[in-house]
Amino acid sequence: MSKLMQGIERFWREEEGTEVVEWALVGGLIVAVGAAIFVAIGDLAAQYLQDIQDALEEGGKTPSA
């Protein structure tokens, strides 16, 4: 068996190897959830800022006589 295959087999057998994979999956899940929240909040924040800008622009206009 090649050294590469022996290393892979040892990595798979050892508990540390599976623990590393588990933590990598947890980290990936956290990043994915964070990205989804960031996108959702970003769209909502942009809409709120646009509403504020529109309200300020309307409030600054003087009515024509």
N, C-alpha and C. Protein backbone atom coordinates (compact mmCIF):
# COMPACT_ATOMS: atom_id res chain seq x y z
N MET A 1 0.85 -1.17 0.00
CA MET A 1 0.00 0.00 0.00
C MET A 1 0.90 1.24 0.00
N SER A 2 0.51 2.23 -0.75
CA SER A 2 1.35 3.43 -0.85
C SER A 2 1.29 4.24 0.45
N LYS A 3 2.26 5.09 0.60
CA LYS A 3 2.30 5.92 1.82
C LYS A 3 1.10 6.86 1.89
N LEU A 4 0.65 7.34 0.74
CA LEU A 4 -0.51 8.21 0.72
C LEU A 4 -1.74 7.48 1.24
N MET A 5 -1.95 6.26 0.74
CA MET A 5 -3.11 5.49 1.19
C MET A 5 -3.00 5.14 2.67
N GLN A 6 -1.80 4.85 3.13
CA GLN A 6 -1.61 4.55 4.56
C GLN A 6 -1.94 5.79 5.40
N GLY A 7 -1.53 6.96 4.92
CA GLY A 7 -1.83 8.20 5.65
C GLY A 7 -3.31 8.47 5.70
N ILE A 8 -3.98 8.25 4.57
CA ILE A 8 -5.42 8.47 4.53
C ILE A 8 -6.14 7.49 5.45
N GLU A 9 -5.71 6.24 5.44
CA GLU A 9 -6.33 5.24 6.30
C GLU A 9 -6.11 5.57 7.77
N ARG A 10 -4.92 5.99 8.12
CA ARG A 10 -4.62 6.35 9.50
C ARG A 10 -5.45 7.58 9.92
N PHE A 11 -5.55 8.55 9.02
CA PHE A 11 -6.34 9.75 9.29
C PHE A 11 -7.81 9.37 9.54
N TRP A 12 -8.32 8.44 8.76
CA TRP A 12 -9.71 8.02 8.87
C TRP A 12 -9.96 7.25 10.16
N ARG A 13 -8.98 6.44 10.57
CA ARG A 13 -9.14 5.61 11.76
C ARG A 13 -9.03 6.42 13.04
N GLU A 14 -8.14 7.37 13.04
CA GLU A 14 -7.89 8.13 14.26
C GLU A 14 -9.07 9.05 14.56
N GLU A 15 -9.32 9.21 15.83
CA GLU A 15 -10.44 10.03 16.26
C GLU A 15 -10.20 11.50 15.93
N GLU A 16 -8.96 11.95 15.98
CA GLU A 16 -8.65 13.35 15.68
C GLU A 16 -9.04 13.70 14.25
N GLY A 17 -8.84 12.77 13.34
CA GLY A 17 -9.19 13.03 11.95
C GLY A 17 -10.67 13.29 11.77
N THR A 18 -11.50 12.47 12.40
CA THR A 18 -12.94 12.67 12.27
C THR A 18 -13.38 13.92 13.00
N GLU A 19 -12.69 14.25 14.09
CA GLU A 19 -13.02 15.46 14.82
C GLU A 19 -12.73 16.70 13.97
N VAL A 20 -11.66 16.68 13.23
CA VAL A 20 -11.32 17.79 12.35
C VAL A 20 -12.40 17.96 11.28
N VAL A 21 -12.84 16.87 10.72
CA VAL A 21 -13.89 16.92 9.70
C VAL A 21 -15.19 17.47 10.30
N GLU A 22 -15.53 17.03 11.50
CA GLU A 22 -16.74 17.51 12.15
C GLU A 22 -16.67 19.01 12.38
N TRP A 23 -15.54 19.49 12.87
CA TRP A 23 -15.40 20.94 13.11
C TRP A 23 -15.42 21.73 11.81
N ALA A 24 -14.87 21.16 10.75
CA ALA A 24 -14.92 21.83 9.45
C ALA A 24 -16.36 21.96 8.97
N LEU A 25 -17.16 20.92 9.17
CA LEU A 25 -18.58 20.98 8.79
C LEU A 25 -19.33 22.01 9.63
N VAL A 26 -19.05 22.05 10.92
CA VAL A 26 -19.70 23.03 11.79
C VAL A 26 -19.32 24.45 11.36
N GLY A 27 -18.05 24.66 11.07
CA GLY A 27 -17.60 25.97 10.62
C GLY A 27 -18.25 26.37 9.31
N GLY A 28 -18.36 25.44 8.39
CA GLY A 28 -19.02 25.72 7.12
C GLY A 28 -20.48 26.08 7.30
N LEU A 29 -21.15 25.39 8.20
CA LEU A 29 -22.56 25.67 8.48
C LEU A 29 -22.72 27.06 9.09
N ILE A 30 -21.83 27.43 9.99
CA ILE A 30 -21.89 28.76 10.61
C ILE A 30 -21.69 29.84 9.55
N VAL A 31 -20.74 29.63 8.66
CA VAL A 31 -20.49 30.60 7.59
C VAL A 31 -21.71 30.72 6.67
N ALA A 32 -22.31 29.61 6.33
CA ALA A 32 -23.47 29.63 5.43
C ALA A 32 -24.65 30.36 6.08
N VAL A 33 -24.91 30.10 7.34
CA VAL A 33 -26.01 30.78 8.05
C VAL A 33 -25.70 32.27 8.17
N GLY A 34 -24.46 32.61 8.49
CA GLY A 34 -24.08 34.02 8.59
C GLY A 34 -24.25 34.74 7.28
N ALA A 35 -23.88 34.11 6.19
CA ALA A 35 -24.04 34.72 4.87
C ALA A 35 -25.51 34.94 4.53
N ALA A 36 -26.34 33.97 4.85
CA ALA A 36 -27.78 34.11 4.58
C ALA A 36 -28.38 35.24 5.40
N ILE A 37 -28.00 35.35 6.65
CA ILE A 37 -28.50 36.44 7.50
C ILE A 37 -28.01 37.79 6.97
N PHE A 38 -26.75 37.85 6.58
CA PHE A 38 -26.17 39.09 6.06
C PHE A 38 -26.92 39.54 4.81
N VAL A 39 -27.23 38.62 3.92
CA VAL A 39 -27.96 38.97 2.69
C VAL A 39 -29.36 39.45 3.03
N ALA A 40 -30.04 38.76 3.94
CA ALA A 40 -31.41 39.15 4.31
C ALA A 40 -31.42 40.52 4.98
N ILE A 41 -30.52 40.76 5.90
CA ILE A 41 -30.47 42.04 6.60
C ILE A 41 -30.02 43.14 5.64
N GLY A 42 -29.12 42.82 4.73
CA GLY A 42 -28.63 43.82 3.78
C GLY A 42 -29.75 44.35 2.91
N ASP A 43 -30.60 43.48 2.40
CA ASP A 43 -31.73 43.91 1.57
C ASP A 43 -32.71 44.75 2.38
N LEU A 44 -32.99 44.34 3.60
CA LEU A 44 -33.92 45.06 4.46
C LEU A 44 -33.35 46.42 4.84
N ALA A 45 -32.08 46.47 5.18
CA ALA A 45 -31.44 47.73 5.54
C ALA A 45 -31.44 48.70 4.36
N ALA A 46 -31.18 48.21 3.17
CA ALA A 46 -31.20 49.07 1.98
C ALA A 46 -32.59 49.66 1.77
N GLN A 47 -33.63 48.87 1.99
CA GLN A 47 -34.99 49.37 1.84
C GLN A 47 -35.31 50.44 2.88
N TYR A 48 -34.89 50.21 4.14
CA TYR A 48 -35.12 51.21 5.19
C TYR A 48 -34.40 52.52 4.87
N LEU A 49 -33.17 52.44 4.43
CA LEU A 49 -32.42 53.64 4.09
C LEU A 49 -33.06 54.38 2.92
N GLN A 50 -33.57 53.65 1.95
CA GLN A 50 -34.25 54.28 0.82
C GLN A 50 -35.53 54.98 1.29
N ASP A 51 -36.28 54.34 2.20
CA ASP A 51 -37.50 54.95 2.74
C ASP A 51 -37.17 56.25 3.49
N ILE A 52 -36.08 56.23 4.26
CA ILE A 52 -35.67 57.43 4.99
C ILE A 52 -35.28 58.54 4.02
N GLN A 53 -34.53 58.19 3.00
CA GLN A 53 -34.12 59.18 2.01
C GLN A 53 -35.35 59.77 1.31
N ASP A 54 -36.29 58.93 0.93
CA ASP A 54 -37.51 59.41 0.27
C ASP A 54 -38.29 60.36 1.18
N ALA A 55 -38.39 60.00 2.47
CA ALA A 55 -39.13 60.83 3.41
C ALA A 55 -38.44 62.18 3.60
N LEU A 56 -37.12 62.17 3.66
CA LEU A 56 -36.39 63.43 3.82
C LEU A 56 -36.53 64.31 2.58
N GLU A 57 -36.50 63.71 1.42
CA GLU A 57 -36.64 64.48 0.19
C GLU A 57 -38.04 65.07 0.07
N GLU A 58 -39.05 64.35 0.47
CA GLU A 58 -40.43 64.85 0.42
C GLU A 58 -40.64 65.95 1.46
N GLY A 59 -40.03 65.79 2.62
CA GLY A 59 -40.18 66.78 3.69
C GLY A 59 -39.46 68.08 3.37
N GLY A 60 -38.44 68.05 2.55
CA GLY A 60 -37.68 69.25 2.23
C GLY A 60 -38.27 70.07 1.12
N LYS A 61 -39.26 69.57 0.45
CA LYS A 61 -39.87 70.30 -0.66
C LYS A 61 -40.90 71.30 -0.13
N THR A 62 -40.98 72.43 -0.78
CA THR A 62 -41.99 73.41 -0.41
C THR A 62 -43.17 73.27 -1.36
N PRO A 63 -44.37 73.33 -0.84
CA PRO A 63 -45.54 73.19 -1.72
C PRO A 63 -45.65 74.39 -2.66
N SER A 64 -46.02 74.13 -3.86
CA SER A 64 -46.17 75.22 -4.81
C SER A 64 -47.53 75.89 -4.61
N ALA A 65 -47.55 77.20 -4.73
CA ALA A 65 -48.78 77.96 -4.45
C ALA A 65 -49.69 78.03 -5.61
